[in-house]
Amino acid sequence: MKKVLIVGLSALVLTACGDQPKETAGEVESTKVEETKNNEPIQDKVEIKEEETKVEGPLIEVGQQTEDDGVGTVTLDKIVNINKEYETGGLKIKLLDAKVLTVTNVVPDFKESVELMSDIQVGDEFTYLQVRYDLENTTKETVIFNGIETAVPDNGKQVTISGMDIFSTANPTSSEIYSNATVEQNVFGIPIDKNINSIRLIPSDVLYDNEDHSIFYPKEITIEF
């Protein structure tokens, strides 16, 4: 059927063009097949690429996405695997990683929760910074530590983390860490600019529950993307 249509089309072309070089039905068909071959692989590659960005579980590579029923479509924009320890007076803060994540197709309940926790308005998309860290008290005394309290992004707008944390109580507040104990997988999430390049984090003071009430002041930590 295809050849009959192509022959008919060739006849019309010849009638319209008069003395122009003749093109056989076979040549027209060959050209169409070649165009199809050239187009098909490109389409396949695009489809495969879109499928590869969708993952289940943690996002570990820039561009990966996951569908979270309670949040929306979450895309990893930036990531820094830190795995570095910062020690103050026997308390170790081990930063694990920092991720810049953007949520689209925002679930209404998540939108409402974020606006309630952080007092910001969530639009069609929402970008936040997620930081994970472990704590270890290497001393023989109990330590009182309130987590990472303050953040200063490279736009200079200082943020009190407890007042903007979309995960609410995940970042420790008034936490007692007993001697030779660890508190793992602490996390906070704060709204930030999608184009962030660096951020400074200021941990709380480290207070020891002893007769002297010894206190230490951690240095600020800088994360660069």
N, C-alpha and C. Protein backbone atom coordinates (compact mmCIF):
# COMPACT_ATOMS: atom_id res chain seq x y z
N MET A 1 0.83 -1.19 0.00
CA MET A 1 0.00 0.00 0.00
C MET A 1 0.87 1.25 0.00
N LYS A 2 1.97 1.23 0.80
CA LYS A 2 2.86 2.36 0.89
C LYS A 2 3.50 2.65 -0.46
N LYS A 3 3.91 1.57 -1.20
CA LYS A 3 4.55 1.77 -2.49
C LYS A 3 3.58 2.39 -3.48
N VAL A 4 2.31 2.02 -3.46
CA VAL A 4 1.32 2.57 -4.38
C VAL A 4 1.17 4.05 -4.13
N LEU A 5 1.11 4.47 -2.84
CA LEU A 5 0.99 5.88 -2.50
C LEU A 5 2.21 6.66 -2.95
N ILE A 6 3.40 6.07 -2.75
CA ILE A 6 4.63 6.75 -3.13
C ILE A 6 4.72 6.90 -4.63
N VAL A 7 4.31 5.86 -5.40
CA VAL A 7 4.32 5.94 -6.87
C VAL A 7 3.38 7.05 -7.32
N GLY A 8 2.20 7.14 -6.70
CA GLY A 8 1.25 8.18 -7.05
C GLY A 8 1.82 9.56 -6.77
N LEU A 9 2.52 9.70 -5.62
CA LEU A 9 3.14 10.96 -5.26
C LEU A 9 4.23 11.32 -6.24
N SER A 10 5.00 10.32 -6.71
CA SER A 10 6.08 10.56 -7.67
C SER A 10 5.50 11.04 -8.98
N ALA A 11 4.38 10.48 -9.37
CA ALA A 11 3.76 10.89 -10.63
C ALA A 11 3.33 12.34 -10.56
N LEU A 12 2.78 12.76 -9.42
CA LEU A 12 2.36 14.15 -9.25
C LEU A 12 3.56 15.08 -9.31
N VAL A 13 4.66 14.66 -8.68
CA VAL A 13 5.88 15.47 -8.68
C VAL A 13 6.39 15.65 -10.10
N LEU A 14 6.41 14.56 -10.89
CA LEU A 14 6.90 14.63 -12.26
C LEU A 14 6.01 15.51 -13.12
N THR A 15 4.72 15.43 -12.91
CA THR A 15 3.78 16.24 -13.69
C THR A 15 3.98 17.71 -13.38
N ALA A 16 4.21 18.04 -12.12
CA ALA A 16 4.34 19.42 -11.71
C ALA A 16 5.67 20.02 -12.12
N CYS A 17 6.72 19.19 -12.15
CA CYS A 17 8.06 19.71 -12.36
C CYS A 17 8.49 19.72 -13.81
N GLY A 18 7.87 19.04 -14.67
CA GLY A 18 8.20 19.06 -16.09
C GLY A 18 9.55 18.47 -16.37
N ASP A 19 10.56 19.31 -16.70
CA ASP A 19 11.87 18.84 -17.16
C ASP A 19 12.84 18.56 -16.04
N GLN A 20 12.43 18.66 -14.77
CA GLN A 20 13.37 18.40 -13.68
C GLN A 20 13.75 16.94 -13.64
N PRO A 21 14.93 16.58 -13.09
CA PRO A 21 15.40 15.18 -13.06
C PRO A 21 14.37 14.29 -12.40
N LYS A 22 14.21 13.09 -12.98
CA LYS A 22 13.23 12.14 -12.47
C LYS A 22 13.74 11.47 -11.21
N GLU A 23 12.76 11.22 -10.30
CA GLU A 23 13.08 10.52 -9.05
C GLU A 23 12.18 9.32 -8.96
N THR A 24 12.75 8.15 -8.86
CA THR A 24 11.96 6.93 -8.87
C THR A 24 11.30 6.72 -7.53
N ALA A 25 10.25 5.86 -7.56
CA ALA A 25 9.54 5.53 -6.32
C ALA A 25 10.47 4.89 -5.32
N GLY A 26 11.38 4.10 -5.80
CA GLY A 26 12.33 3.42 -4.92
C GLY A 26 13.20 4.40 -4.20
N GLU A 27 13.64 5.47 -4.90
CA GLU A 27 14.49 6.47 -4.28
C GLU A 27 13.74 7.25 -3.21
N VAL A 28 12.48 7.59 -3.49
CA VAL A 28 11.67 8.30 -2.50
C VAL A 28 11.48 7.45 -1.25
N GLU A 29 11.16 6.16 -1.44
CA GLU A 29 10.96 5.25 -0.32
C GLU A 29 12.23 5.10 0.50
N SER A 30 13.38 5.01 -0.20
CA SER A 30 14.66 4.87 0.49
C SER A 30 14.95 6.08 1.35
N THR A 31 14.64 7.27 0.80
CA THR A 31 14.87 8.49 1.56
C THR A 31 14.04 8.53 2.81
N LYS A 32 12.76 8.13 2.71
CA LYS A 32 11.88 8.14 3.86
C LYS A 32 12.34 7.16 4.93
N VAL A 33 12.81 6.00 4.52
CA VAL A 33 13.32 5.01 5.46
C VAL A 33 14.54 5.55 6.17
N GLU A 34 15.44 6.25 5.43
CA GLU A 34 16.65 6.78 6.03
C GLU A 34 16.32 7.85 7.07
N GLU A 35 15.30 8.72 6.75
CA GLU A 35 14.90 9.73 7.70
C GLU A 35 14.36 9.10 8.98
N THR A 36 13.59 8.04 8.83
CA THR A 36 13.04 7.35 9.99
C THR A 36 14.15 6.77 10.86
N LYS A 37 15.15 6.18 10.21
CA LYS A 37 16.27 5.58 10.95
C LYS A 37 17.03 6.65 11.72
N ASN A 38 17.20 7.82 11.08
CA ASN A 38 17.96 8.88 11.73
C ASN A 38 17.22 9.47 12.93
N ASN A 39 15.88 9.46 12.86
CA ASN A 39 15.10 10.07 13.94
C ASN A 39 14.88 9.15 15.12
N GLU A 40 14.71 7.85 14.87
CA GLU A 40 14.35 6.91 15.92
C GLU A 40 15.35 6.84 17.07
N PRO A 41 16.68 6.73 16.79
CA PRO A 41 17.63 6.61 17.90
C PRO A 41 17.63 7.83 18.81
N ILE A 42 17.43 9.05 18.24
CA ILE A 42 17.42 10.25 19.06
C ILE A 42 16.26 10.21 20.04
N GLN A 43 15.10 9.80 19.56
CA GLN A 43 13.94 9.70 20.42
C GLN A 43 14.16 8.67 21.52
N ASP A 44 14.77 7.55 21.17
CA ASP A 44 15.04 6.50 22.16
C ASP A 44 15.96 7.01 23.26
N LYS A 45 17.00 7.78 22.86
CA LYS A 45 17.97 8.27 23.84
C LYS A 45 17.31 9.22 24.82
N VAL A 46 16.41 10.08 24.33
CA VAL A 46 15.72 11.02 25.21
C VAL A 46 14.87 10.27 26.22
N GLU A 47 14.15 9.25 25.75
CA GLU A 47 13.29 8.47 26.64
C GLU A 47 14.12 7.76 27.70
N ILE A 48 15.24 7.18 27.32
CA ILE A 48 16.10 6.47 28.26
C ILE A 48 16.67 7.43 29.30
N LYS A 49 17.08 8.62 28.84
CA LYS A 49 17.64 9.59 29.75
C LYS A 49 16.64 10.02 30.81
N GLU A 50 15.36 10.24 30.38
CA GLU A 50 14.33 10.61 31.33
C GLU A 50 14.08 9.51 32.35
N GLU A 51 14.11 8.25 31.89
CA GLU A 51 13.89 7.13 32.79
C GLU A 51 15.02 7.01 33.80
N GLU A 52 16.25 7.28 33.37
CA GLU A 52 17.41 7.10 34.24
C GLU A 52 17.44 8.13 35.37
N THR A 53 16.77 9.29 35.20
CA THR A 53 16.78 10.30 36.25
C THR A 53 15.84 9.94 37.39
N LYS A 54 14.89 9.07 37.15
CA LYS A 54 13.94 8.66 38.18
C LYS A 54 14.53 7.52 39.01
N VAL A 55 14.62 7.70 40.32
CA VAL A 55 15.19 6.67 41.19
C VAL A 55 14.31 6.48 42.41
N GLU A 56 14.48 5.35 43.06
CA GLU A 56 13.85 5.10 44.35
C GLU A 56 14.94 5.09 45.41
N GLY A 57 14.66 5.72 46.53
CA GLY A 57 15.68 5.78 47.57
C GLY A 57 16.42 7.11 47.52
N PRO A 58 17.57 7.20 48.21
CA PRO A 58 18.32 8.45 48.32
C PRO A 58 18.78 8.97 46.96
N LEU A 59 18.76 10.29 46.80
CA LEU A 59 19.29 10.94 45.60
C LEU A 59 20.77 11.19 45.83
N ILE A 60 21.61 10.65 44.95
CA ILE A 60 23.06 10.74 45.16
C ILE A 60 23.80 11.38 44.00
N GLU A 61 23.10 11.63 42.88
CA GLU A 61 23.73 12.26 41.73
C GLU A 61 22.88 13.43 41.25
N VAL A 62 23.55 14.52 40.88
CA VAL A 62 22.85 15.70 40.41
C VAL A 62 21.96 15.35 39.21
N GLY A 63 20.72 15.82 39.27
CA GLY A 63 19.77 15.56 38.20
C GLY A 63 18.81 14.43 38.50
N GLN A 64 19.13 13.61 39.48
CA GLN A 64 18.23 12.50 39.84
C GLN A 64 16.95 13.03 40.47
N GLN A 65 15.86 12.30 40.25
CA GLN A 65 14.57 12.68 40.79
C GLN A 65 13.92 11.49 41.50
N THR A 66 13.04 11.81 42.43
CA THR A 66 12.23 10.77 43.06
C THR A 66 10.83 11.32 43.30
N GLU A 67 9.86 10.45 43.23
CA GLU A 67 8.48 10.83 43.49
C GLU A 67 8.13 10.48 44.93
N ASP A 68 7.89 11.49 45.73
CA ASP A 68 7.54 11.30 47.14
C ASP A 68 6.07 11.66 47.32
N ASP A 69 5.26 10.68 47.70
CA ASP A 69 3.82 10.90 47.82
C ASP A 69 3.47 12.00 48.82
N GLY A 70 4.32 12.19 49.81
CA GLY A 70 4.03 13.19 50.82
C GLY A 70 4.66 14.54 50.56
N VAL A 71 5.46 14.65 49.49
CA VAL A 71 6.18 15.88 49.20
C VAL A 71 5.91 16.40 47.79
N GLY A 72 6.21 15.56 46.79
CA GLY A 72 6.07 15.94 45.39
C GLY A 72 7.20 15.33 44.59
N THR A 73 7.54 15.95 43.47
CA THR A 73 8.68 15.51 42.66
C THR A 73 9.93 16.22 43.17
N VAL A 74 10.88 15.44 43.70
CA VAL A 74 12.08 16.01 44.33
C VAL A 74 13.28 15.79 43.41
N THR A 75 13.98 16.88 43.08
CA THR A 75 15.15 16.82 42.19
C THR A 75 16.39 17.28 42.94
N LEU A 76 17.48 16.52 42.77
CA LEU A 76 18.75 16.89 43.40
C LEU A 76 19.50 17.87 42.49
N ASP A 77 19.66 19.12 42.97
CA ASP A 77 20.34 20.16 42.19
C ASP A 77 21.84 20.20 42.46
N LYS A 78 22.22 20.03 43.73
CA LYS A 78 23.64 20.07 44.12
C LYS A 78 23.86 19.13 45.28
N ILE A 79 25.08 18.60 45.38
CA ILE A 79 25.41 17.73 46.51
C ILE A 79 26.89 17.85 46.84
N VAL A 80 27.19 17.84 48.13
CA VAL A 80 28.58 17.79 48.60
C VAL A 80 28.67 16.66 49.62
N ASN A 81 29.48 15.66 49.33
CA ASN A 81 29.75 14.59 50.30
C ASN A 81 30.92 15.04 51.16
N ILE A 82 30.63 15.42 52.40
CA ILE A 82 31.64 16.07 53.25
C ILE A 82 32.44 15.06 54.05
N ASN A 83 31.77 14.28 54.90
CA ASN A 83 32.43 13.27 55.73
C ASN A 83 33.67 13.82 56.44
N LYS A 84 33.46 14.90 57.16
CA LYS A 84 34.56 15.56 57.86
C LYS A 84 34.15 15.87 59.29
N GLU A 85 35.09 15.68 60.24
CA GLU A 85 34.80 15.90 61.65
C GLU A 85 35.31 17.27 62.12
N TYR A 86 34.51 17.91 62.98
CA TYR A 86 34.88 19.18 63.60
C TYR A 86 34.72 18.98 65.10
N GLU A 87 35.82 19.11 65.85
CA GLU A 87 35.79 18.80 67.28
C GLU A 87 35.91 20.07 68.12
N THR A 88 35.08 20.16 69.14
CA THR A 88 35.13 21.28 70.08
C THR A 88 34.99 20.73 71.49
N GLY A 89 36.03 20.85 72.30
CA GLY A 89 35.98 20.43 73.70
C GLY A 89 35.56 18.99 73.90
N GLY A 90 35.94 18.12 73.00
CA GLY A 90 35.62 16.70 73.14
C GLY A 90 34.34 16.28 72.44
N LEU A 91 33.56 17.24 71.92
CA LEU A 91 32.36 16.92 71.15
C LEU A 91 32.70 16.97 69.66
N LYS A 92 32.43 15.87 68.97
CA LYS A 92 32.71 15.82 67.54
C LYS A 92 31.42 16.00 66.74
N ILE A 93 31.48 16.91 65.78
CA ILE A 93 30.41 17.07 64.80
C ILE A 93 30.94 16.53 63.48
N LYS A 94 30.34 15.46 63.01
CA LYS A 94 30.76 14.90 61.73
C LYS A 94 29.72 15.22 60.67
N LEU A 95 30.07 16.16 59.78
CA LEU A 95 29.16 16.49 58.69
C LEU A 95 29.22 15.39 57.64
N LEU A 96 28.06 14.87 57.27
CA LEU A 96 27.99 13.77 56.30
C LEU A 96 27.84 14.29 54.88
N ASP A 97 26.77 15.02 54.65
CA ASP A 97 26.57 15.58 53.30
C ASP A 97 25.61 16.77 53.35
N ALA A 98 25.62 17.52 52.26
CA ALA A 98 24.72 18.65 52.11
C ALA A 98 24.12 18.58 50.71
N LYS A 99 22.81 18.75 50.62
CA LYS A 99 22.12 18.65 49.33
C LYS A 99 21.22 19.86 49.11
N VAL A 100 21.20 20.33 47.88
CA VAL A 100 20.24 21.34 47.46
C VAL A 100 19.17 20.61 46.66
N LEU A 101 17.94 20.65 47.14
CA LEU A 101 16.83 19.89 46.56
C LEU A 101 15.69 20.82 46.16
N THR A 102 15.12 20.56 45.00
CA THR A 102 13.98 21.35 44.53
C THR A 102 12.75 20.46 44.39
N VAL A 103 11.64 20.93 44.94
CA VAL A 103 10.38 20.18 44.88
C VAL A 103 9.44 20.86 43.88
N THR A 104 8.93 20.08 42.92
CA THR A 104 7.89 20.54 42.02
C THR A 104 6.67 19.65 42.21
N ASN A 105 5.55 20.02 41.59
CA ASN A 105 4.30 19.28 41.81
C ASN A 105 4.08 19.12 43.32
N VAL A 106 4.22 20.23 44.03
CA VAL A 106 4.22 20.21 45.49
C VAL A 106 2.88 19.68 46.03
N VAL A 107 2.97 18.71 46.92
CA VAL A 107 1.78 18.15 47.57
C VAL A 107 1.21 19.21 48.53
N PRO A 108 -0.10 19.46 48.49
CA PRO A 108 -0.70 20.51 49.32
C PRO A 108 -0.37 20.41 50.81
N ASP A 109 -0.38 19.20 51.37
CA ASP A 109 -0.08 19.04 52.80
C ASP A 109 1.35 19.45 53.12
N PHE A 110 2.29 19.11 52.20
CA PHE A 110 3.69 19.49 52.40
C PHE A 110 3.82 21.00 52.32
N LYS A 111 3.16 21.60 51.35
CA LYS A 111 3.16 23.06 51.18
C LYS A 111 2.68 23.74 52.46
N GLU A 112 1.59 23.24 53.01
CA GLU A 112 1.03 23.82 54.23
C GLU A 112 2.00 23.66 55.40
N SER A 113 2.64 22.49 55.49
CA SER A 113 3.58 22.23 56.58
C SER A 113 4.79 23.15 56.50
N VAL A 114 5.34 23.31 55.29
CA VAL A 114 6.51 24.18 55.11
C VAL A 114 6.17 25.62 55.48
N GLU A 115 5.03 26.09 55.03
CA GLU A 115 4.63 27.47 55.31
C GLU A 115 4.40 27.68 56.80
N LEU A 116 3.94 26.63 57.47
CA LEU A 116 3.72 26.72 58.91
C LEU A 116 5.04 26.73 59.68
N MET A 117 5.98 25.86 59.26
CA MET A 117 7.26 25.72 59.97
C MET A 117 8.20 26.88 59.70
N SER A 118 8.24 27.34 58.43
CA SER A 118 9.26 28.31 58.04
C SER A 118 8.72 29.71 57.80
N ASP A 119 7.40 29.87 57.82
CA ASP A 119 6.78 31.17 57.62
C ASP A 119 7.15 31.79 56.27
N ILE A 120 7.27 30.94 55.22
CA ILE A 120 7.50 31.45 53.88
C ILE A 120 6.37 30.93 52.98
N GLN A 121 6.21 31.58 51.84
CA GLN A 121 5.19 31.17 50.89
C GLN A 121 5.80 30.23 49.85
N VAL A 122 5.20 29.07 49.66
CA VAL A 122 5.68 28.08 48.70
C VAL A 122 4.92 28.25 47.39
N GLY A 123 5.66 28.45 46.28
CA GLY A 123 5.04 28.62 44.98
C GLY A 123 4.95 27.31 44.21
N ASP A 124 5.13 27.40 42.89
CA ASP A 124 5.06 26.20 42.05
C ASP A 124 6.23 25.25 42.31
N GLU A 125 7.35 25.81 42.80
CA GLU A 125 8.47 24.96 43.19
C GLU A 125 9.10 25.53 44.45
N PHE A 126 9.81 24.64 45.14
CA PHE A 126 10.37 25.00 46.44
C PHE A 126 11.75 24.37 46.56
N THR A 127 12.76 25.19 46.90
CA THR A 127 14.13 24.70 47.01
C THR A 127 14.60 24.81 48.46
N TYR A 128 15.24 23.75 48.94
CA TYR A 128 15.75 23.78 50.31
C TYR A 128 17.10 23.09 50.41
N LEU A 129 17.82 23.42 51.46
CA LEU A 129 19.11 22.81 51.77
C LEU A 129 18.91 21.77 52.85
N GLN A 130 19.42 20.56 52.62
CA GLN A 130 19.36 19.50 53.63
C GLN A 130 20.78 19.16 54.06
N VAL A 131 21.03 19.20 55.36
CA VAL A 131 22.35 18.87 55.91
C VAL A 131 22.20 17.75 56.92
N ARG A 132 23.03 16.71 56.79
CA ARG A 132 23.02 15.58 57.73
C ARG A 132 24.35 15.55 58.49
N TYR A 133 24.28 15.18 59.77
CA TYR A 133 25.51 15.09 60.56
C TYR A 133 25.32 14.16 61.75
N ASP A 134 26.45 13.62 62.24
CA ASP A 134 26.48 12.79 63.45
C ASP A 134 27.16 13.56 64.57
N LEU A 135 26.86 13.18 65.81
CA LEU A 135 27.49 13.76 66.98
C LEU A 135 28.12 12.67 67.84
N GLU A 136 29.27 12.98 68.43
CA GLU A 136 29.92 12.02 69.33
C GLU A 136 30.55 12.76 70.50
N ASN A 137 30.20 12.33 71.71
CA ASN A 137 30.81 12.88 72.91
C ASN A 137 31.95 11.95 73.32
N THR A 138 33.17 12.41 73.19
CA THR A 138 34.33 11.56 73.46
C THR A 138 34.82 11.69 74.92
N THR A 139 34.11 12.47 75.71
CA THR A 139 34.55 12.70 77.09
C THR A 139 33.80 11.79 78.07
N LYS A 140 34.12 11.92 79.35
CA LYS A 140 33.46 11.15 80.40
C LYS A 140 32.35 11.94 81.08
N GLU A 141 31.99 13.07 80.50
CA GLU A 141 30.97 13.93 81.08
C GLU A 141 29.82 14.12 80.10
N THR A 142 28.66 14.48 80.65
CA THR A 142 27.50 14.74 79.80
C THR A 142 27.63 16.13 79.15
N VAL A 143 27.29 16.17 77.86
CA VAL A 143 27.37 17.41 77.10
C VAL A 143 25.97 17.88 76.73
N ILE A 144 25.75 19.18 76.84
CA ILE A 144 24.50 19.78 76.38
C ILE A 144 24.80 20.54 75.09
N PHE A 145 24.14 20.13 74.02
CA PHE A 145 24.42 20.72 72.71
C PHE A 145 23.10 20.91 71.97
N ASN A 146 22.90 22.11 71.42
CA ASN A 146 21.63 22.45 70.78
C ASN A 146 21.65 22.35 69.26
N GLY A 147 22.60 21.61 68.76
CA GLY A 147 22.64 21.43 67.30
C GLY A 147 23.26 22.60 66.57
N ILE A 148 23.09 22.61 65.25
CA ILE A 148 23.59 23.72 64.43
C ILE A 148 22.50 24.79 64.44
N GLU A 149 22.84 25.95 64.99
CA GLU A 149 21.82 26.96 65.29
C GLU A 149 21.58 27.97 64.18
N THR A 150 22.65 28.38 63.50
CA THR A 150 22.54 29.51 62.57
C THR A 150 23.17 29.17 61.22
N ALA A 151 22.58 29.69 60.16
CA ALA A 151 23.12 29.52 58.82
C ALA A 151 23.20 30.89 58.13
N VAL A 152 24.29 31.09 57.39
CA VAL A 152 24.45 32.33 56.62
C VAL A 152 24.79 31.95 55.17
N PRO A 153 23.80 31.95 54.28
CA PRO A 153 24.07 31.65 52.86
C PRO A 153 24.91 32.76 52.23
N ASP A 154 25.39 32.51 51.01
CA ASP A 154 26.26 33.50 50.36
C ASP A 154 25.52 34.78 49.96
N ASN A 155 24.19 34.81 50.11
CA ASN A 155 23.47 36.07 49.86
C ASN A 155 23.47 36.97 51.10
N GLY A 156 24.06 36.46 52.21
CA GLY A 156 24.22 37.26 53.42
C GLY A 156 23.02 37.30 54.33
N LYS A 157 21.92 36.63 53.97
CA LYS A 157 20.71 36.66 54.79
C LYS A 157 20.78 35.60 55.88
N GLN A 158 21.08 36.01 57.09
CA GLN A 158 21.25 35.09 58.22
C GLN A 158 19.93 34.41 58.57
N VAL A 159 20.00 33.11 58.87
CA VAL A 159 18.82 32.30 59.17
C VAL A 159 19.01 31.61 60.52
N THR A 160 18.02 31.74 61.39
CA THR A 160 17.98 30.95 62.62
C THR A 160 17.34 29.62 62.27
N ILE A 161 18.13 28.55 62.30
CA ILE A 161 17.68 27.27 61.77
C ILE A 161 16.43 26.74 62.46
N SER A 162 16.35 26.87 63.77
CA SER A 162 15.19 26.34 64.50
C SER A 162 13.89 27.02 64.06
N GLY A 163 13.99 28.25 63.57
CA GLY A 163 12.80 28.97 63.15
C GLY A 163 12.42 28.72 61.70
N MET A 164 13.31 28.04 60.93
CA MET A 164 13.06 27.81 59.51
C MET A 164 13.13 26.34 59.12
N ASP A 165 13.45 25.48 60.08
CA ASP A 165 13.68 24.06 59.79
C ASP A 165 12.39 23.37 59.37
N ILE A 166 12.32 22.91 58.12
CA ILE A 166 11.10 22.28 57.62
C ILE A 166 10.92 20.88 58.21
N PHE A 167 11.97 20.33 58.83
CA PHE A 167 11.86 19.02 59.47
C PHE A 167 11.52 19.15 60.95
N SER A 168 11.30 20.36 61.41
CA SER A 168 10.89 20.65 62.78
C SER A 168 11.94 20.24 63.81
N THR A 169 11.78 19.10 64.49
CA THR A 169 12.66 18.76 65.62
C THR A 169 13.80 17.82 65.25
N ALA A 170 14.06 17.63 63.95
CA ALA A 170 15.11 16.68 63.57
C ALA A 170 16.49 17.18 63.94
N ASN A 171 16.71 18.49 63.91
CA ASN A 171 17.98 19.07 64.34
C ASN A 171 17.92 19.19 65.85
N PRO A 172 18.84 18.56 66.61
CA PRO A 172 18.72 18.49 68.07
C PRO A 172 18.56 19.86 68.72
N THR A 173 17.67 19.94 69.69
CA THR A 173 17.53 21.14 70.50
C THR A 173 17.56 20.71 71.97
N SER A 174 18.37 21.42 72.77
CA SER A 174 18.53 21.09 74.19
C SER A 174 18.79 19.60 74.38
N SER A 175 19.75 19.09 73.62
CA SER A 175 20.00 17.65 73.65
C SER A 175 21.16 17.32 74.59
N GLU A 176 20.92 16.37 75.47
CA GLU A 176 21.98 15.87 76.34
C GLU A 176 22.64 14.67 75.68
N ILE A 177 23.96 14.73 75.54
CA ILE A 177 24.71 13.62 74.96
C ILE A 177 25.60 13.06 76.06
N TYR A 178 25.33 11.85 76.44
CA TYR A 178 26.04 11.25 77.57
C TYR A 178 27.46 10.86 77.20
N SER A 179 28.26 10.55 78.24
CA SER A 179 29.67 10.26 78.03
C SER A 179 29.86 9.09 77.06
N ASN A 180 30.82 9.26 76.15
CA ASN A 180 31.17 8.24 75.16
C ASN A 180 29.94 7.72 74.40
N ALA A 181 29.03 8.63 74.08
CA ALA A 181 27.82 8.26 73.34
C ALA A 181 27.77 9.01 72.00
N THR A 182 27.02 8.44 71.07
CA THR A 182 26.84 9.08 69.77
C THR A 182 25.35 9.33 69.51
N VAL A 183 25.07 10.37 68.76
CA VAL A 183 23.72 10.67 68.28
C VAL A 183 23.84 10.82 66.77
N GLU A 184 23.31 9.86 66.04
CA GLU A 184 23.55 9.81 64.60
C GLU A 184 22.35 10.30 63.79
N GLN A 185 22.64 10.59 62.52
CA GLN A 185 21.62 10.97 61.53
C GLN A 185 20.78 12.18 61.97
N ASN A 186 21.45 13.21 62.47
CA ASN A 186 20.77 14.47 62.72
C ASN A 186 20.62 15.18 61.37
N VAL A 187 19.53 15.93 61.22
CA VAL A 187 19.29 16.57 59.92
C VAL A 187 18.47 17.84 60.10
N PHE A 188 18.71 18.81 59.24
CA PHE A 188 17.82 19.97 59.17
C PHE A 188 17.64 20.36 57.71
N GLY A 189 16.54 21.03 57.44
CA GLY A 189 16.26 21.50 56.09
C GLY A 189 15.74 22.92 56.13
N ILE A 190 16.38 23.83 55.41
CA ILE A 190 15.97 25.23 55.41
C ILE A 190 15.80 25.73 53.98
N PRO A 191 14.79 26.58 53.75
CA PRO A 191 14.61 27.15 52.41
C PRO A 191 15.82 27.99 52.02
N ILE A 192 16.27 27.84 50.77
CA ILE A 192 17.41 28.63 50.30
C ILE A 192 17.22 28.98 48.82
N ASP A 193 18.10 29.84 48.33
CA ASP A 193 18.12 30.21 46.92
C ASP A 193 18.68 29.04 46.12
N LYS A 194 18.05 28.73 45.00
CA LYS A 194 18.48 27.60 44.18
C LYS A 194 19.91 27.78 43.66
N ASN A 195 20.36 29.01 43.53
CA ASN A 195 21.69 29.29 42.98
C ASN A 195 22.76 29.42 44.06
N ILE A 196 22.50 28.91 45.24
CA ILE A 196 23.47 29.00 46.34
C ILE A 196 24.81 28.35 45.95
N ASN A 197 25.91 29.01 46.32
CA ASN A 197 27.25 28.48 46.06
C ASN A 197 28.01 28.11 47.34
N SER A 198 27.61 28.73 48.45
CA SER A 198 28.27 28.40 49.72
C SER A 198 27.35 28.81 50.88
N ILE A 199 27.62 28.23 52.04
CA ILE A 199 26.84 28.58 53.24
C ILE A 199 27.71 28.37 54.47
N ARG A 200 27.58 29.27 55.45
CA ARG A 200 28.29 29.16 56.71
C ARG A 200 27.33 28.66 57.78
N LEU A 201 27.78 27.66 58.55
CA LEU A 201 26.96 27.08 59.61
C LEU A 201 27.62 27.36 60.96
N ILE A 202 26.81 27.82 61.92
CA ILE A 202 27.34 28.12 63.25
C ILE A 202 26.67 27.20 64.26
N PRO A 203 27.43 26.24 64.84
CA PRO A 203 26.86 25.33 65.85
C PRO A 203 26.62 26.06 67.16
N SER A 204 25.80 25.44 68.02
CA SER A 204 25.55 26.03 69.34
C SER A 204 26.80 25.86 70.22
N ASP A 205 26.80 26.55 71.34
CA ASP A 205 27.87 26.37 72.31
C ASP A 205 27.84 24.94 72.85
N VAL A 206 28.99 24.46 73.29
CA VAL A 206 29.09 23.13 73.89
C VAL A 206 29.22 23.32 75.40
N LEU A 207 28.21 22.88 76.14
CA LEU A 207 28.17 23.09 77.59
C LEU A 207 28.29 21.75 78.30
N TYR A 208 29.21 21.70 79.29
CA TYR A 208 29.39 20.47 80.05
C TYR A 208 28.63 20.53 81.36
N ASP A 209 27.96 19.44 81.66
CA ASP A 209 27.15 19.36 82.88
C ASP A 209 28.05 18.93 84.04
N ASN A 210 28.93 19.83 84.45
CA ASN A 210 29.83 19.55 85.58
C ASN A 210 29.82 20.72 86.54
N GLU A 211 30.62 20.64 87.58
CA GLU A 211 30.61 21.69 88.61
C GLU A 211 31.01 23.04 88.05
N ASP A 212 31.91 23.04 87.10
CA ASP A 212 32.39 24.31 86.53
C ASP A 212 31.49 24.82 85.41
N HIS A 213 30.58 23.94 84.94
CA HIS A 213 29.75 24.28 83.78
C HIS A 213 30.62 24.79 82.63
N SER A 214 31.63 24.01 82.33
CA SER A 214 32.58 24.38 81.27
C SER A 214 31.83 24.63 79.96
N ILE A 215 32.25 25.65 79.26
CA ILE A 215 31.60 25.99 78.00
C ILE A 215 32.64 26.22 76.91
N PHE A 216 32.34 25.72 75.73
CA PHE A 216 33.24 25.87 74.59
C PHE A 216 32.45 26.45 73.41
N TYR A 217 33.14 27.19 72.56
CA TYR A 217 32.49 27.89 71.44
C TYR A 217 33.01 27.34 70.12
N PRO A 218 32.22 26.53 69.44
CA PRO A 218 32.67 25.94 68.16
C PRO A 218 32.90 27.02 67.10
N LYS A 219 33.82 26.72 66.21
CA LYS A 219 34.05 27.62 65.07
C LYS A 219 32.98 27.37 64.01
N GLU A 220 32.71 28.38 63.21
CA GLU A 220 31.72 28.21 62.14
C GLU A 220 32.28 27.28 61.06
N ILE A 221 31.39 26.62 60.38
CA ILE A 221 31.74 25.65 59.34
C ILE A 221 31.24 26.17 58.00
N THR A 222 32.09 26.14 56.99
CA THR A 222 31.70 26.61 55.66
C THR A 222 31.55 25.42 54.71
N ILE A 223 30.44 25.40 53.99
CA ILE A 223 30.20 24.38 52.96
C ILE A 223 30.15 25.08 51.60
N GLU A 224 30.93 24.58 50.66
CA GLU A 224 30.94 25.16 49.31
C GLU A 224 30.44 24.12 48.31
N PHE A 225 29.59 24.57 47.39
CA PHE A 225 29.01 23.66 46.39
C PHE A 225 29.74 23.80 45.05
